[in-house]
Amino acid sequence: RDFSTYLEWLRQAAEMNSNTVRLYTALPPAFYQALKEFNKSAASPLLLIQEVWIHDETRDLFDPQSKQQFEQEVRDVVDLLHGQADIPCRPGANCGIYTADVSQHVIGLAIGREIEPALALRTNKLHPKKTSYQGRHISLREGNPKEAWFAEECDLASRYEAEKYNRQ
């Protein structure tokens, strides 16, 4: 998609009295440029809930390679929302140089997606002792391994944005 297509979609969303757009994954740079441009002159700016996608091939949330890949995705998404990302191309993902700072319009960062029961059950079974997480910004006193993983990743996103951009 290109800038003009995204700009038209945003206009149409606003005409339907929408006030928020939810993205399930990072879109190409043209979307964020269009959102910034649209909001410059909009009577009511469109707000953004940006999700960080858990890759479909993930079989265990704590698998070191999957975890490392997801955590890079978290940092990339935070950076792109601040217009400070250069994301390399890889199969099945958007990429590019992100220069449009739309962070002032972000009302939520959705860490992960709705996960399949098999992934949650497998993660919980493989890591039965991971039932808590003590973070700097987000903690989980008692839960299951999947919940501890989500708490840890939310804490990462919060810490990273605070440390790099002095914002949350």
N, C-alpha and C. Protein backbone atom coordinates (compact mmCIF):
# COMPACT_ATOMS: atom_id res chain seq x y z
N ARG A 1 0.83 -1.18 0.00
CA ARG A 1 0.00 0.00 0.00
C ARG A 1 0.88 1.24 0.00
N ASP A 2 0.30 2.33 -0.45
CA ASP A 2 1.06 3.57 -0.50
C ASP A 2 0.42 4.63 0.39
N PHE A 3 1.12 5.73 0.53
CA PHE A 3 0.70 6.84 1.38
C PHE A 3 -0.73 7.27 1.09
N SER A 4 -1.07 7.48 -0.17
CA SER A 4 -2.40 8.00 -0.52
C SER A 4 -3.50 7.00 -0.17
N THR A 5 -3.23 5.72 -0.32
CA THR A 5 -4.22 4.71 0.05
C THR A 5 -4.47 4.74 1.55
N TYR A 6 -3.39 4.76 2.32
CA TYR A 6 -3.53 4.81 3.78
C TYR A 6 -4.23 6.09 4.23
N LEU A 7 -3.89 7.20 3.60
CA LEU A 7 -4.52 8.48 3.96
C LEU A 7 -6.02 8.41 3.70
N GLU A 8 -6.41 7.82 2.59
CA GLU A 8 -7.83 7.68 2.27
C GLU A 8 -8.51 6.76 3.28
N TRP A 9 -7.89 5.68 3.65
CA TRP A 9 -8.47 4.78 4.65
C TRP A 9 -8.66 5.49 6.00
N LEU A 10 -7.69 6.31 6.37
CA LEU A 10 -7.82 7.05 7.63
C LEU A 10 -8.95 8.06 7.55
N ARG A 11 -9.09 8.72 6.41
CA ARG A 11 -10.22 9.66 6.23
C ARG A 11 -11.55 8.92 6.35
N GLN A 12 -11.62 7.75 5.72
CA GLN A 12 -12.85 6.96 5.78
C GLN A 12 -13.15 6.50 7.21
N ALA A 13 -12.13 6.12 7.94
CA ALA A 13 -12.33 5.70 9.33
C ALA A 13 -12.87 6.88 10.15
N ALA A 14 -12.32 8.05 9.94
CA ALA A 14 -12.79 9.24 10.67
C ALA A 14 -14.22 9.59 10.28
N GLU A 15 -14.56 9.44 9.01
CA GLU A 15 -15.93 9.72 8.56
C GLU A 15 -16.94 8.77 9.20
N MET A 16 -16.48 7.59 9.61
CA MET A 16 -17.36 6.63 10.29
C MET A 16 -17.40 6.89 11.80
N ASN A 17 -16.83 8.03 12.20
CA ASN A 17 -16.76 8.42 13.61
C ASN A 17 -15.85 7.52 14.44
N SER A 18 -14.91 6.89 13.79
CA SER A 18 -13.90 6.14 14.54
C SER A 18 -12.95 7.13 15.18
N ASN A 19 -12.44 6.76 16.33
CA ASN A 19 -11.43 7.61 16.95
C ASN A 19 -10.12 6.87 17.19
N THR A 20 -10.13 5.55 16.92
CA THR A 20 -8.96 4.72 17.18
C THR A 20 -8.79 3.70 16.07
N VAL A 21 -7.53 3.43 15.74
CA VAL A 21 -7.18 2.40 14.77
C VAL A 21 -6.31 1.39 15.51
N ARG A 22 -6.61 0.10 15.34
CA ARG A 22 -5.78 -0.95 15.93
C ARG A 22 -5.04 -1.66 14.80
N LEU A 23 -3.73 -1.75 14.96
CA LEU A 23 -2.90 -2.47 14.00
C LEU A 23 -2.40 -3.74 14.66
N TYR A 24 -2.57 -4.85 13.99
CA TYR A 24 -2.15 -6.13 14.54
C TYR A 24 -0.65 -6.35 14.41
N THR A 25 -0.02 -5.63 13.51
CA THR A 25 1.42 -5.75 13.30
C THR A 25 1.93 -4.42 12.74
N ALA A 26 3.22 -4.28 12.71
CA ALA A 26 3.79 -3.07 12.12
C ALA A 26 3.46 -3.02 10.64
N LEU A 27 3.01 -1.87 10.19
CA LEU A 27 2.72 -1.66 8.78
C LEU A 27 3.90 -0.95 8.12
N PRO A 28 3.87 -0.80 6.80
CA PRO A 28 4.97 -0.09 6.12
C PRO A 28 5.05 1.37 6.58
N PRO A 29 6.20 1.99 6.39
CA PRO A 29 6.38 3.38 6.80
C PRO A 29 5.30 4.33 6.27
N ALA A 30 4.77 4.06 5.09
CA ALA A 30 3.76 4.94 4.49
C ALA A 30 2.52 5.08 5.38
N PHE A 31 2.16 4.03 6.12
CA PHE A 31 0.99 4.14 7.01
C PHE A 31 1.24 5.19 8.08
N TYR A 32 2.37 5.14 8.72
CA TYR A 32 2.67 6.06 9.84
C TYR A 32 2.83 7.48 9.33
N GLN A 33 3.37 7.63 8.12
CA GLN A 33 3.45 8.96 7.50
C GLN A 33 2.05 9.50 7.25
N ALA A 34 1.15 8.62 6.76
CA ALA A 34 -0.23 9.03 6.49
C ALA A 34 -0.95 9.39 7.79
N LEU A 35 -0.74 8.61 8.83
CA LEU A 35 -1.38 8.91 10.12
C LEU A 35 -0.91 10.26 10.64
N LYS A 36 0.37 10.52 10.57
CA LYS A 36 0.89 11.80 11.03
C LYS A 36 0.30 12.95 10.21
N GLU A 37 0.28 12.79 8.91
CA GLU A 37 -0.27 13.83 8.03
C GLU A 37 -1.76 14.03 8.29
N PHE A 38 -2.51 12.95 8.41
CA PHE A 38 -3.95 13.05 8.66
C PHE A 38 -4.20 13.80 9.96
N ASN A 39 -3.48 13.45 11.00
CA ASN A 39 -3.72 14.05 12.32
C ASN A 39 -3.31 15.51 12.41
N LYS A 40 -2.46 15.97 11.51
CA LYS A 40 -2.06 17.38 11.51
C LYS A 40 -3.26 18.31 11.34
N SER A 41 -4.20 17.91 10.48
CA SER A 41 -5.32 18.80 10.16
C SER A 41 -6.67 18.26 10.61
N ALA A 42 -6.68 17.11 11.26
CA ALA A 42 -7.96 16.51 11.67
C ALA A 42 -8.56 17.26 12.85
N ALA A 43 -9.88 17.46 12.80
CA ALA A 43 -10.57 18.07 13.94
C ALA A 43 -10.40 17.20 15.18
N SER A 44 -10.48 15.90 14.97
CA SER A 44 -10.23 14.93 16.04
C SER A 44 -9.21 13.93 15.52
N PRO A 45 -8.02 13.95 16.07
CA PRO A 45 -7.00 13.03 15.57
C PRO A 45 -7.37 11.57 15.82
N LEU A 46 -6.92 10.71 14.94
CA LEU A 46 -7.11 9.28 15.14
C LEU A 46 -6.01 8.78 16.06
N LEU A 47 -6.40 7.97 17.02
CA LEU A 47 -5.46 7.39 17.96
C LEU A 47 -5.07 6.01 17.49
N LEU A 48 -3.99 5.47 18.05
CA LEU A 48 -3.45 4.22 17.56
C LEU A 48 -3.20 3.24 18.71
N ILE A 49 -3.66 2.03 18.51
CA ILE A 49 -3.26 0.90 19.34
C ILE A 49 -2.39 0.03 18.44
N GLN A 50 -1.14 -0.07 18.80
CA GLN A 50 -0.17 -0.81 17.98
C GLN A 50 0.15 -2.14 18.65
N GLU A 51 -0.06 -3.21 17.93
CA GLU A 51 0.25 -4.53 18.45
C GLU A 51 1.63 -4.97 17.99
N VAL A 52 2.25 -5.80 18.81
CA VAL A 52 3.50 -6.46 18.44
C VAL A 52 3.14 -7.93 18.25
N TRP A 53 3.31 -8.42 17.05
CA TRP A 53 2.85 -9.75 16.65
C TRP A 53 3.78 -10.85 17.15
N ILE A 54 3.22 -11.89 17.73
CA ILE A 54 3.96 -13.11 18.05
C ILE A 54 3.93 -13.95 16.78
N HIS A 55 5.09 -14.33 16.30
CA HIS A 55 5.16 -15.07 15.04
C HIS A 55 4.40 -16.39 15.12
N ASP A 56 3.74 -16.73 14.03
CA ASP A 56 2.91 -17.92 13.96
C ASP A 56 3.68 -19.21 14.24
N GLU A 57 4.95 -19.22 13.90
CA GLU A 57 5.72 -20.45 14.09
C GLU A 57 6.21 -20.66 15.53
N THR A 58 5.93 -19.72 16.42
CA THR A 58 6.34 -19.86 17.82
C THR A 58 5.62 -21.04 18.45
N ARG A 59 6.40 -21.93 19.07
CA ARG A 59 5.85 -23.13 19.71
C ARG A 59 6.01 -23.09 21.22
N ASP A 60 6.86 -22.19 21.71
CA ASP A 60 7.12 -22.05 23.14
C ASP A 60 7.54 -20.60 23.35
N LEU A 61 6.80 -19.87 24.16
CA LEU A 61 7.10 -18.45 24.34
C LEU A 61 8.49 -18.21 24.92
N PHE A 62 8.99 -19.15 25.71
CA PHE A 62 10.31 -18.99 26.32
C PHE A 62 11.45 -19.57 25.49
N ASP A 63 11.17 -20.13 24.34
CA ASP A 63 12.23 -20.63 23.46
C ASP A 63 13.18 -19.48 23.19
N PRO A 64 14.48 -19.66 23.44
CA PRO A 64 15.42 -18.53 23.33
C PRO A 64 15.39 -17.81 21.98
N GLN A 65 15.31 -18.55 20.89
CA GLN A 65 15.29 -17.89 19.58
C GLN A 65 13.99 -17.12 19.37
N SER A 66 12.85 -17.72 19.73
CA SER A 66 11.56 -17.03 19.58
C SER A 66 11.50 -15.80 20.48
N LYS A 67 12.00 -15.94 21.70
CA LYS A 67 11.98 -14.82 22.66
C LYS A 67 12.86 -13.67 22.16
N GLN A 68 14.04 -14.01 21.68
CA GLN A 68 14.95 -12.98 21.16
C GLN A 68 14.32 -12.26 19.96
N GLN A 69 13.71 -13.03 19.07
CA GLN A 69 13.07 -12.45 17.88
C GLN A 69 11.92 -11.53 18.30
N PHE A 70 11.10 -11.98 19.25
CA PHE A 70 9.97 -11.16 19.70
C PHE A 70 10.47 -9.88 20.38
N GLU A 71 11.48 -10.00 21.20
CA GLU A 71 11.97 -8.82 21.92
C GLU A 71 12.59 -7.80 20.96
N GLN A 72 13.19 -8.26 19.88
CA GLN A 72 13.67 -7.32 18.86
C GLN A 72 12.49 -6.64 18.20
N GLU A 73 11.44 -7.40 17.97
CA GLU A 73 10.22 -6.83 17.38
C GLU A 73 9.63 -5.75 18.30
N VAL A 74 9.64 -5.99 19.60
CA VAL A 74 9.15 -4.98 20.56
C VAL A 74 9.95 -3.70 20.42
N ARG A 75 11.27 -3.82 20.44
CA ARG A 75 12.11 -2.63 20.32
C ARG A 75 11.90 -1.93 18.96
N ASP A 76 11.78 -2.72 17.89
CA ASP A 76 11.55 -2.13 16.57
C ASP A 76 10.24 -1.35 16.54
N VAL A 77 9.19 -1.91 17.12
CA VAL A 77 7.89 -1.23 17.11
C VAL A 77 7.94 0.06 17.91
N VAL A 78 8.56 0.03 19.07
CA VAL A 78 8.69 1.26 19.86
C VAL A 78 9.47 2.30 19.05
N ASP A 79 10.55 1.87 18.42
CA ASP A 79 11.35 2.80 17.62
C ASP A 79 10.55 3.36 16.44
N LEU A 80 9.81 2.52 15.74
CA LEU A 80 9.07 3.01 14.57
C LEU A 80 7.98 3.99 14.98
N LEU A 81 7.37 3.78 16.15
CA LEU A 81 6.34 4.71 16.62
C LEU A 81 6.93 6.09 16.92
N HIS A 82 8.22 6.11 17.24
CA HIS A 82 8.91 7.38 17.50
C HIS A 82 9.63 7.89 16.26
N GLY A 83 9.41 7.24 15.11
CA GLY A 83 10.03 7.68 13.87
C GLY A 83 11.53 7.50 13.86
N GLN A 84 12.01 6.45 14.51
CA GLN A 84 13.45 6.24 14.65
C GLN A 84 13.86 4.81 14.30
N ALA A 85 13.27 4.23 13.26
CA ALA A 85 13.56 2.82 12.96
C ALA A 85 14.00 2.62 11.51
N ASP A 86 14.91 1.70 11.37
CA ASP A 86 15.34 1.21 10.06
C ASP A 86 15.24 -0.31 10.16
N ILE A 87 14.12 -0.85 9.74
CA ILE A 87 13.83 -2.27 9.93
C ILE A 87 14.15 -3.03 8.64
N PRO A 88 15.06 -3.99 8.74
CA PRO A 88 15.44 -4.76 7.55
C PRO A 88 14.29 -5.64 7.07
N CYS A 89 14.29 -5.92 5.79
CA CYS A 89 13.25 -6.77 5.21
C CYS A 89 13.51 -8.23 5.54
N ARG A 90 12.41 -8.93 5.83
CA ARG A 90 12.45 -10.37 6.02
C ARG A 90 11.11 -10.93 5.59
N PRO A 91 11.05 -12.19 5.22
CA PRO A 91 9.80 -12.75 4.72
C PRO A 91 8.63 -12.60 5.71
N GLY A 92 7.49 -12.17 5.17
CA GLY A 92 6.28 -12.07 5.97
C GLY A 92 6.18 -10.88 6.89
N ALA A 93 7.09 -9.92 6.76
CA ALA A 93 7.05 -8.75 7.66
C ALA A 93 7.27 -7.48 6.84
N ASN A 94 6.76 -6.38 7.37
CA ASN A 94 6.99 -5.09 6.73
C ASN A 94 8.35 -4.57 7.16
N CYS A 95 8.88 -3.68 6.34
CA CYS A 95 10.22 -3.17 6.60
C CYS A 95 10.32 -1.76 6.04
N GLY A 96 11.44 -1.12 6.34
CA GLY A 96 11.69 0.19 5.77
C GLY A 96 12.28 1.14 6.78
N ILE A 97 12.41 2.37 6.35
CA ILE A 97 12.93 3.44 7.21
C ILE A 97 11.72 4.23 7.70
N TYR A 98 11.56 4.26 9.01
CA TYR A 98 10.41 4.90 9.65
C TYR A 98 10.85 6.23 10.24
N THR A 99 10.29 7.31 9.70
CA THR A 99 10.69 8.65 10.13
C THR A 99 9.54 9.46 10.73
N ALA A 100 8.32 8.96 10.63
CA ALA A 100 7.16 9.71 11.14
C ALA A 100 6.95 9.38 12.61
N ASP A 101 7.14 10.36 13.47
CA ASP A 101 6.92 10.18 14.90
C ASP A 101 5.42 10.33 15.18
N VAL A 102 4.77 9.21 15.47
CA VAL A 102 3.34 9.22 15.78
C VAL A 102 3.10 8.88 17.25
N SER A 103 4.15 8.88 18.04
CA SER A 103 4.05 8.43 19.43
C SER A 103 3.03 9.20 20.25
N GLN A 104 2.80 10.47 19.94
CA GLN A 104 1.84 11.25 20.70
C GLN A 104 0.39 10.79 20.45
N HIS A 105 0.19 9.98 19.42
CA HIS A 105 -1.15 9.50 19.11
C HIS A 105 -1.36 8.04 19.52
N VAL A 106 -0.35 7.44 20.13
CA VAL A 106 -0.45 6.04 20.55
C VAL A 106 -1.10 5.99 21.93
N ILE A 107 -2.20 5.25 22.03
CA ILE A 107 -2.85 5.10 23.33
C ILE A 107 -2.61 3.72 23.93
N GLY A 108 -2.02 2.85 23.15
CA GLY A 108 -1.73 1.53 23.70
C GLY A 108 -0.77 0.76 22.83
N LEU A 109 0.07 0.01 23.50
CA LEU A 109 0.97 -0.92 22.84
C LEU A 109 0.50 -2.30 23.28
N ALA A 110 -0.02 -3.07 22.35
CA ALA A 110 -0.54 -4.40 22.66
C ALA A 110 0.58 -5.41 22.46
N ILE A 111 1.07 -5.94 23.54
CA ILE A 111 2.20 -6.87 23.49
C ILE A 111 1.67 -8.26 23.21
N GLY A 112 2.00 -8.78 22.07
CA GLY A 112 1.53 -10.11 21.68
C GLY A 112 0.16 -10.03 21.04
N ARG A 113 -0.35 -11.17 20.75
CA ARG A 113 -1.67 -11.28 20.11
C ARG A 113 -2.44 -12.34 20.88
N GLU A 114 -3.65 -12.56 20.43
CA GLU A 114 -4.42 -13.65 21.00
C GLU A 114 -3.69 -14.93 20.61
N ILE A 115 -3.25 -15.69 21.58
CA ILE A 115 -2.47 -16.87 21.25
C ILE A 115 -3.35 -18.12 21.27
N GLU A 116 -2.95 -19.08 20.47
CA GLU A 116 -3.71 -20.33 20.40
C GLU A 116 -3.55 -21.08 21.71
N PRO A 117 -4.61 -21.80 22.12
CA PRO A 117 -4.52 -22.58 23.36
C PRO A 117 -3.33 -23.52 23.40
N ALA A 118 -2.98 -24.12 22.25
CA ALA A 118 -1.86 -25.07 22.23
C ALA A 118 -0.55 -24.38 22.63
N LEU A 119 -0.34 -23.14 22.19
CA LEU A 119 0.88 -22.42 22.55
C LEU A 119 0.90 -22.11 24.05
N ALA A 120 -0.23 -21.67 24.57
CA ALA A 120 -0.30 -21.37 26.01
C ALA A 120 -0.08 -22.64 26.83
N LEU A 121 -0.74 -23.72 26.47
CA LEU A 121 -0.61 -24.97 27.22
C LEU A 121 0.80 -25.53 27.14
N ARG A 122 1.40 -25.49 25.95
CA ARG A 122 2.77 -25.99 25.78
C ARG A 122 3.75 -25.17 26.59
N THR A 123 3.63 -23.85 26.54
CA THR A 123 4.52 -22.97 27.30
C THR A 123 4.37 -23.25 28.80
N ASN A 124 3.13 -23.38 29.27
CA ASN A 124 2.90 -23.63 30.69
C ASN A 124 3.47 -24.99 31.10
N LYS A 125 3.34 -25.98 30.26
CA LYS A 125 3.83 -27.32 30.57
C LYS A 125 5.36 -27.37 30.60
N LEU A 126 6.00 -26.68 29.67
CA LEU A 126 7.46 -26.71 29.57
C LEU A 126 8.17 -25.89 30.65
N HIS A 127 7.45 -24.95 31.27
CA HIS A 127 8.09 -24.03 32.22
C HIS A 127 7.25 -23.88 33.49
N PRO A 128 6.95 -24.98 34.18
CA PRO A 128 6.02 -24.93 35.31
C PRO A 128 6.48 -24.07 36.48
N LYS A 129 7.75 -23.79 36.59
CA LYS A 129 8.26 -23.00 37.72
C LYS A 129 8.27 -21.50 37.45
N LYS A 130 8.00 -21.11 36.22
CA LYS A 130 7.97 -19.67 35.89
C LYS A 130 6.56 -19.14 36.15
N THR A 131 6.30 -18.82 37.39
CA THR A 131 4.95 -18.39 37.78
C THR A 131 4.91 -16.96 38.28
N SER A 132 6.03 -16.25 38.20
CA SER A 132 6.06 -14.86 38.63
C SER A 132 7.11 -14.12 37.81
N TYR A 133 7.03 -12.81 37.88
CA TYR A 133 8.03 -11.97 37.22
C TYR A 133 8.13 -10.67 38.01
N GLN A 134 9.33 -10.29 38.37
CA GLN A 134 9.56 -9.04 39.07
C GLN A 134 10.30 -8.10 38.13
N GLY A 135 9.59 -7.10 37.62
CA GLY A 135 10.18 -6.16 36.69
C GLY A 135 10.35 -4.79 37.27
N ARG A 136 10.92 -3.91 36.51
CA ARG A 136 11.10 -2.53 36.95
C ARG A 136 9.79 -1.75 36.89
N HIS A 137 8.99 -2.00 35.85
CA HIS A 137 7.73 -1.26 35.68
C HIS A 137 6.51 -2.17 35.86
N ILE A 138 6.66 -3.42 35.51
CA ILE A 138 5.53 -4.36 35.54
C ILE A 138 5.98 -5.64 36.21
N SER A 139 5.15 -6.14 37.10
CA SER A 139 5.46 -7.38 37.82
C SER A 139 4.24 -8.26 37.87
N LEU A 140 4.49 -9.54 38.08
CA LEU A 140 3.42 -10.52 38.27
C LEU A 140 3.79 -11.32 39.51
N ARG A 141 2.99 -11.19 40.55
CA ARG A 141 3.28 -11.88 41.80
C ARG A 141 3.05 -13.38 41.67
N GLU A 142 1.93 -13.74 41.07
CA GLU A 142 1.60 -15.16 40.95
C GLU A 142 0.74 -15.36 39.72
N GLY A 143 1.11 -16.32 38.90
CA GLY A 143 0.36 -16.61 37.70
C GLY A 143 0.88 -17.90 37.08
N ASN A 144 0.66 -18.02 35.80
CA ASN A 144 1.19 -19.19 35.10
C ASN A 144 2.35 -18.73 34.20
N PRO A 145 3.09 -19.66 33.62
CA PRO A 145 4.23 -19.27 32.80
C PRO A 145 3.88 -18.32 31.64
N LYS A 146 2.77 -18.57 30.98
CA LYS A 146 2.37 -17.68 29.87
C LYS A 146 2.18 -16.26 30.39
N GLU A 147 1.54 -16.12 31.54
CA GLU A 147 1.30 -14.80 32.12
C GLU A 147 2.62 -14.15 32.54
N ALA A 148 3.54 -14.94 33.06
CA ALA A 148 4.85 -14.41 33.44
C ALA A 148 5.59 -13.90 32.20
N TRP A 149 5.47 -14.63 31.09
CA TRP A 149 6.10 -14.20 29.84
C TRP A 149 5.52 -12.86 29.39
N PHE A 150 4.20 -12.74 29.41
CA PHE A 150 3.57 -11.48 28.99
C PHE A 150 4.00 -10.33 29.91
N ALA A 151 4.07 -10.57 31.21
CA ALA A 151 4.50 -9.52 32.13
C ALA A 151 5.92 -9.08 31.80
N GLU A 152 6.80 -10.04 31.53
CA GLU A 152 8.18 -9.73 31.21
C GLU A 152 8.28 -8.90 29.92
N GLU A 153 7.51 -9.27 28.92
CA GLU A 153 7.57 -8.54 27.64
C GLU A 153 6.95 -7.15 27.76
N CYS A 154 5.90 -7.01 28.55
CA CYS A 154 5.32 -5.68 28.78
C CYS A 154 6.33 -4.80 29.51
N ASP A 155 7.02 -5.39 30.48
CA ASP A 155 8.04 -4.65 31.21
C ASP A 155 9.17 -4.21 30.28
N LEU A 156 9.59 -5.10 29.38
CA LEU A 156 10.62 -4.75 28.41
C LEU A 156 10.19 -3.53 27.59
N ALA A 157 8.98 -3.56 27.06
CA ALA A 157 8.50 -2.45 26.23
C ALA A 157 8.47 -1.14 27.02
N SER A 158 7.98 -1.21 28.23
CA SER A 158 7.90 -0.02 29.07
C SER A 158 9.29 0.53 29.41
N ARG A 159 10.19 -0.36 29.80
CA ARG A 159 11.56 0.05 30.13
C ARG A 159 12.27 0.63 28.91
N TYR A 160 12.14 -0.06 27.78
CA TYR A 160 12.85 0.38 26.58
C TYR A 160 12.40 1.78 26.17
N GLU A 161 11.10 2.01 26.14
CA GLU A 161 10.62 3.33 25.73
C GLU A 161 11.02 4.40 26.74
N ALA A 162 10.93 4.09 28.01
CA ALA A 162 11.32 5.06 29.04
C ALA A 162 12.80 5.41 28.95
N GLU A 163 13.64 4.39 28.78
CA GLU A 163 15.08 4.61 28.74
C GLU A 163 15.52 5.33 27.46
N LYS A 164 14.93 4.95 26.33
CA LYS A 164 15.38 5.51 25.05
C LYS A 164 14.70 6.84 24.71
N TYR A 165 13.41 6.98 25.05
CA TYR A 165 12.65 8.16 24.63
C TYR A 165 12.12 9.01 25.79
N ASN A 166 12.36 8.54 27.00
CA ASN A 166 11.87 9.25 28.19
C ASN A 166 10.36 9.47 28.12
N ARG A 167 9.67 8.44 27.62
CA ARG A 167 8.20 8.50 27.48
C ARG A 167 7.63 7.12 27.72
N GLN A 168 6.35 7.10 27.97
CA GLN A 168 5.63 5.84 28.05
C GLN A 168 4.25 6.06 27.48
